N, C-alpha and C. Protein backbone atom coordinates (compact mmCIF):
# COMPACT_ATOMS: atom_id res chain seq x y z
N THR A 1 -45.37 204.68 200.77
CA THR A 1 -43.88 205.27 199.88
C THR A 1 -44.48 205.07 198.67
N VAL A 2 -44.40 206.31 197.59
CA VAL A 2 -44.98 205.96 196.15
C VAL A 2 -44.22 206.83 195.35
N GLY A 3 -43.73 205.97 194.31
CA GLY A 3 -42.82 206.53 193.02
C GLY A 3 -43.60 207.75 192.66
N ARG A 4 -43.07 209.04 192.65
CA ARG A 4 -43.91 210.43 191.91
C ARG A 4 -42.73 210.81 191.16
N TYR A 5 -42.92 211.20 190.31
CA TYR A 5 -41.54 211.64 188.98
C TYR A 5 -41.90 212.87 188.44
N HIS A 6 -43.00 213.86 188.98
CA HIS A 6 -43.18 215.03 188.27
C HIS A 6 -44.07 216.17 189.80
N SER A 7 -44.33 217.40 189.06
CA SER A 7 -44.40 218.29 190.40
C SER A 7 -46.35 218.76 190.02
N ILE A 8 -46.65 217.90 188.98
CA ILE A 8 -47.65 218.28 188.43
C ILE A 8 -48.92 217.50 189.65
N PHE A 9 -49.98 218.19 189.86
CA PHE A 9 -50.98 217.78 190.75
C PHE A 9 -52.14 218.42 190.24
N ALA A 10 -53.03 218.05 190.88
CA ALA A 10 -54.48 218.29 191.21
C ALA A 10 -54.52 219.27 192.35
N ASP A 11 -55.67 220.64 191.64
CA ASP A 11 -55.74 221.46 192.74
C ASP A 11 -56.80 221.01 193.58
N PRO A 12 -57.45 221.07 194.88
CA PRO A 12 -58.17 220.75 195.54
C PRO A 12 -59.39 221.92 195.04
N ALA A 13 -58.95 222.77 195.01
CA ALA A 13 -59.96 224.15 194.74
C ALA A 13 -60.81 223.94 193.50
N THR A 14 -60.40 223.21 192.60
CA THR A 14 -60.68 223.25 191.04
C THR A 14 -61.28 221.99 190.99
N LEU A 15 -60.76 220.71 191.63
CA LEU A 15 -61.46 219.68 191.45
C LEU A 15 -62.90 219.48 191.66
N PRO A 16 -63.57 219.09 190.73
CA PRO A 16 -65.10 218.98 190.72
C PRO A 16 -65.58 218.15 191.57
N ARG A 17 -66.62 218.80 192.28
CA ARG A 17 -67.25 218.24 193.35
C ARG A 17 -67.56 216.66 193.52
N GLU A 18 -68.23 216.29 191.94
CA GLU A 18 -68.36 214.62 191.89
C GLU A 18 -66.99 213.87 192.28
N PHE A 19 -65.97 214.27 192.73
CA PHE A 19 -64.78 213.37 192.47
C PHE A 19 -64.02 213.70 194.31
N MET A 20 -64.01 212.61 194.43
CA MET A 20 -63.47 212.51 195.87
C MET A 20 -62.17 212.62 196.26
N ILE A 21 -61.33 212.78 197.41
CA ILE A 21 -59.84 212.87 197.30
C ILE A 21 -59.91 211.50 198.12
N THR A 22 -59.14 210.64 197.18
CA THR A 22 -58.92 208.88 198.33
C THR A 22 -57.48 209.09 198.87
N ALA A 23 -56.53 209.85 197.88
CA ALA A 23 -55.57 209.52 198.65
C ALA A 23 -54.40 210.75 198.65
N GLU A 24 -53.65 211.20 199.58
CA GLU A 24 -53.10 212.40 199.51
C GLU A 24 -51.54 212.29 200.26
N SER A 25 -50.46 212.61 199.88
CA SER A 25 -49.17 212.49 200.10
C SER A 25 -49.09 213.15 201.41
N GLU A 26 -47.98 213.19 202.45
CA GLU A 26 -47.93 213.57 203.57
C GLU A 26 -48.19 215.03 203.59
N ASP A 27 -48.05 216.00 202.51
CA ASP A 27 -47.48 216.89 202.20
C ASP A 27 -49.39 217.36 201.89
N GLY A 28 -50.33 217.21 201.66
CA GLY A 28 -51.28 217.04 201.77
C GLY A 28 -51.54 217.16 199.93
N THR A 29 -50.63 216.77 198.87
CA THR A 29 -50.53 216.71 197.57
C THR A 29 -51.53 216.05 196.99
N ILE A 30 -52.85 215.61 196.51
CA ILE A 30 -53.62 215.33 196.01
C ILE A 30 -52.64 213.69 195.16
N MET A 31 -53.16 212.49 195.68
CA MET A 31 -52.61 211.33 194.95
C MET A 31 -53.35 210.28 194.58
N GLY A 32 -54.85 210.76 195.00
CA GLY A 32 -56.18 209.45 194.07
C GLY A 32 -57.13 210.20 194.13
N ILE A 33 -58.17 210.21 193.26
CA ILE A 33 -59.20 210.14 193.53
C ILE A 33 -60.34 209.56 192.67
N GLU A 34 -61.73 209.33 192.94
CA GLU A 34 -62.53 208.78 193.00
C GLU A 34 -64.20 209.45 192.63
N HIS A 35 -64.91 209.03 191.37
CA HIS A 35 -65.81 209.66 191.24
C HIS A 35 -67.02 209.06 191.90
N ALA A 36 -67.67 210.14 192.69
CA ALA A 36 -68.92 209.58 193.52
C ALA A 36 -69.70 208.68 192.71
N LYS A 37 -70.03 208.93 191.77
CA LYS A 37 -70.89 208.05 190.78
C LYS A 37 -70.56 207.14 189.83
N GLU A 38 -69.90 207.56 189.09
CA GLU A 38 -69.38 206.68 188.14
C GLU A 38 -67.80 205.60 188.38
N PRO A 39 -67.82 204.78 187.45
CA PRO A 39 -66.99 204.02 188.36
C PRO A 39 -65.49 204.46 187.55
N VAL A 40 -65.09 205.30 188.22
CA VAL A 40 -63.74 205.84 187.49
C VAL A 40 -62.74 206.37 188.80
N ALA A 41 -61.58 206.31 188.45
CA ALA A 41 -60.62 206.51 189.80
C ALA A 41 -59.43 206.99 189.00
N ALA A 42 -58.66 207.32 189.70
CA ALA A 42 -57.04 207.98 189.04
C ALA A 42 -55.97 208.16 190.39
N VAL A 43 -55.36 207.56 189.98
CA VAL A 43 -54.10 208.05 190.97
C VAL A 43 -52.92 209.20 190.16
N GLN A 44 -52.25 209.75 191.12
CA GLN A 44 -51.04 210.66 190.88
C GLN A 44 -49.44 210.36 190.78
N PHE A 45 -49.42 209.42 190.74
CA PHE A 45 -48.28 208.19 190.97
C PHE A 45 -47.75 207.07 190.50
N HIS A 46 -47.11 206.43 190.40
CA HIS A 46 -46.66 205.39 189.58
C HIS A 46 -46.69 203.85 190.88
N PRO A 47 -48.11 203.20 190.64
CA PRO A 47 -48.44 202.10 191.23
C PRO A 47 -47.17 200.79 190.86
N GLU A 48 -46.95 200.99 189.52
CA GLU A 48 -46.25 199.82 189.14
C GLU A 48 -44.76 200.01 189.13
N SER A 49 -44.15 201.22 189.82
CA SER A 49 -42.93 201.71 189.64
C SER A 49 -42.21 200.74 191.00
N ILE A 50 -40.94 200.77 190.80
CA ILE A 50 -39.73 200.27 191.91
C ILE A 50 -39.83 200.92 193.00
N MET A 51 -40.06 202.27 192.85
CA MET A 51 -40.09 202.98 193.74
C MET A 51 -41.46 203.09 194.86
N THR A 52 -42.30 202.72 194.43
CA THR A 52 -43.78 202.46 195.23
C THR A 52 -43.65 201.25 196.00
N LEU A 53 -43.22 201.13 197.50
CA LEU A 53 -43.44 200.27 198.63
C LEU A 53 -42.27 199.44 198.14
N GLY A 54 -43.12 198.00 198.17
CA GLY A 54 -41.97 197.19 197.44
C GLY A 54 -42.70 196.16 197.19
N GLY A 55 -41.70 194.91 196.43
CA GLY A 55 -42.32 193.92 196.19
C GLY A 55 -43.48 193.56 195.12
N ASP A 56 -44.50 193.23 195.28
CA ASP A 56 -45.60 193.36 194.11
C ASP A 56 -46.49 194.31 194.90
N ALA A 57 -46.50 195.00 195.72
CA ALA A 57 -47.51 195.87 196.42
C ALA A 57 -48.03 196.75 194.92
N GLY A 58 -47.38 197.33 194.07
CA GLY A 58 -47.95 198.03 193.06
C GLY A 58 -48.82 197.36 192.31
N MET A 59 -48.79 196.34 191.98
CA MET A 59 -49.70 195.52 191.21
C MET A 59 -50.70 195.09 192.08
N ARG A 60 -50.47 194.94 193.25
CA ARG A 60 -52.07 194.65 194.47
C ARG A 60 -52.60 195.90 194.21
N MET A 61 -52.02 196.92 194.35
CA MET A 61 -52.91 198.45 194.38
C MET A 61 -53.87 198.65 193.02
N ILE A 62 -53.14 198.24 191.97
CA ILE A 62 -54.00 198.11 190.95
C ILE A 62 -54.77 197.39 190.53
N GLU A 63 -54.67 195.58 191.07
CA GLU A 63 -55.49 194.54 191.06
C GLU A 63 -57.02 195.16 191.83
N ASN A 64 -56.53 195.90 192.74
CA ASN A 64 -57.50 196.45 194.67
C ASN A 64 -58.64 197.35 193.70
N VAL A 65 -58.04 198.34 192.84
CA VAL A 65 -58.92 199.36 192.52
C VAL A 65 -59.41 199.16 191.01
N VAL A 66 -58.96 198.15 190.44
CA VAL A 66 -59.66 197.65 189.13
C VAL A 66 -61.02 196.78 189.52
N ALA A 67 -60.46 195.95 191.23
CA ALA A 67 -62.13 195.08 191.63
C ALA A 67 -62.81 196.00 191.98
N HIS A 68 -62.73 196.99 192.95
CA HIS A 68 -63.08 197.88 193.80
C HIS A 68 -64.63 198.44 192.42
N LEU A 69 -63.61 198.84 191.41
CA LEU A 69 -64.67 199.73 190.38
C LEU A 69 -65.56 198.80 189.52
N ALA A 70 -64.77 197.60 189.13
CA ALA A 70 -65.98 196.31 188.98
C ALA A 70 -67.06 196.00 189.65
N LYS A 71 -66.58 196.38 190.91
CA LYS A 71 -67.52 195.58 191.90
C LYS A 71 -68.76 197.08 191.89
N ARG A 72 -68.19 198.26 191.97
CA ARG A 72 -69.31 199.30 191.85
C ARG A 72 -70.35 199.48 190.70
N ALA A 73 -69.41 199.31 189.62
CA ALA A 73 -70.16 199.14 188.08
C ALA A 73 -71.37 197.84 188.19
N LYS A 74 -71.15 196.83 188.50
CA LYS A 74 -72.08 195.61 188.49
C LYS A 74 -73.32 195.93 189.48
N VAL A 75 -72.98 196.56 190.86
CA VAL A 75 -74.16 197.49 191.71
C VAL A 75 -75.03 197.96 190.95
N GLN A 76 -74.09 199.24 190.38
CA GLN A 76 -75.15 200.52 189.60
C GLN A 76 -75.77 199.62 188.59
N ALA A 77 -75.38 198.37 187.79
CA ALA A 77 -75.99 198.17 186.91
C ALA A 77 -77.31 197.70 186.91
N ALA A 78 -77.36 197.16 188.41
CA ALA A 78 -78.17 196.33 188.82
C ALA A 78 -79.54 196.85 189.12
């Protein structure tokens, strides 16, 4: 469960092919994307929200994404 406060969302038909969908809601709404080559990712929800899961789950999500992108950037730089 994630905290989502709006109805604005990305349209998969217009999403540039360089972006991979990494998360979707139960109704198929895009909730996360990642660039195929660049260390760029985005989420369409509020991981820091008290509505997102429980405890420190949102902060762990943020930390995991930052660590993942840092690792990708390091590999690409090598």
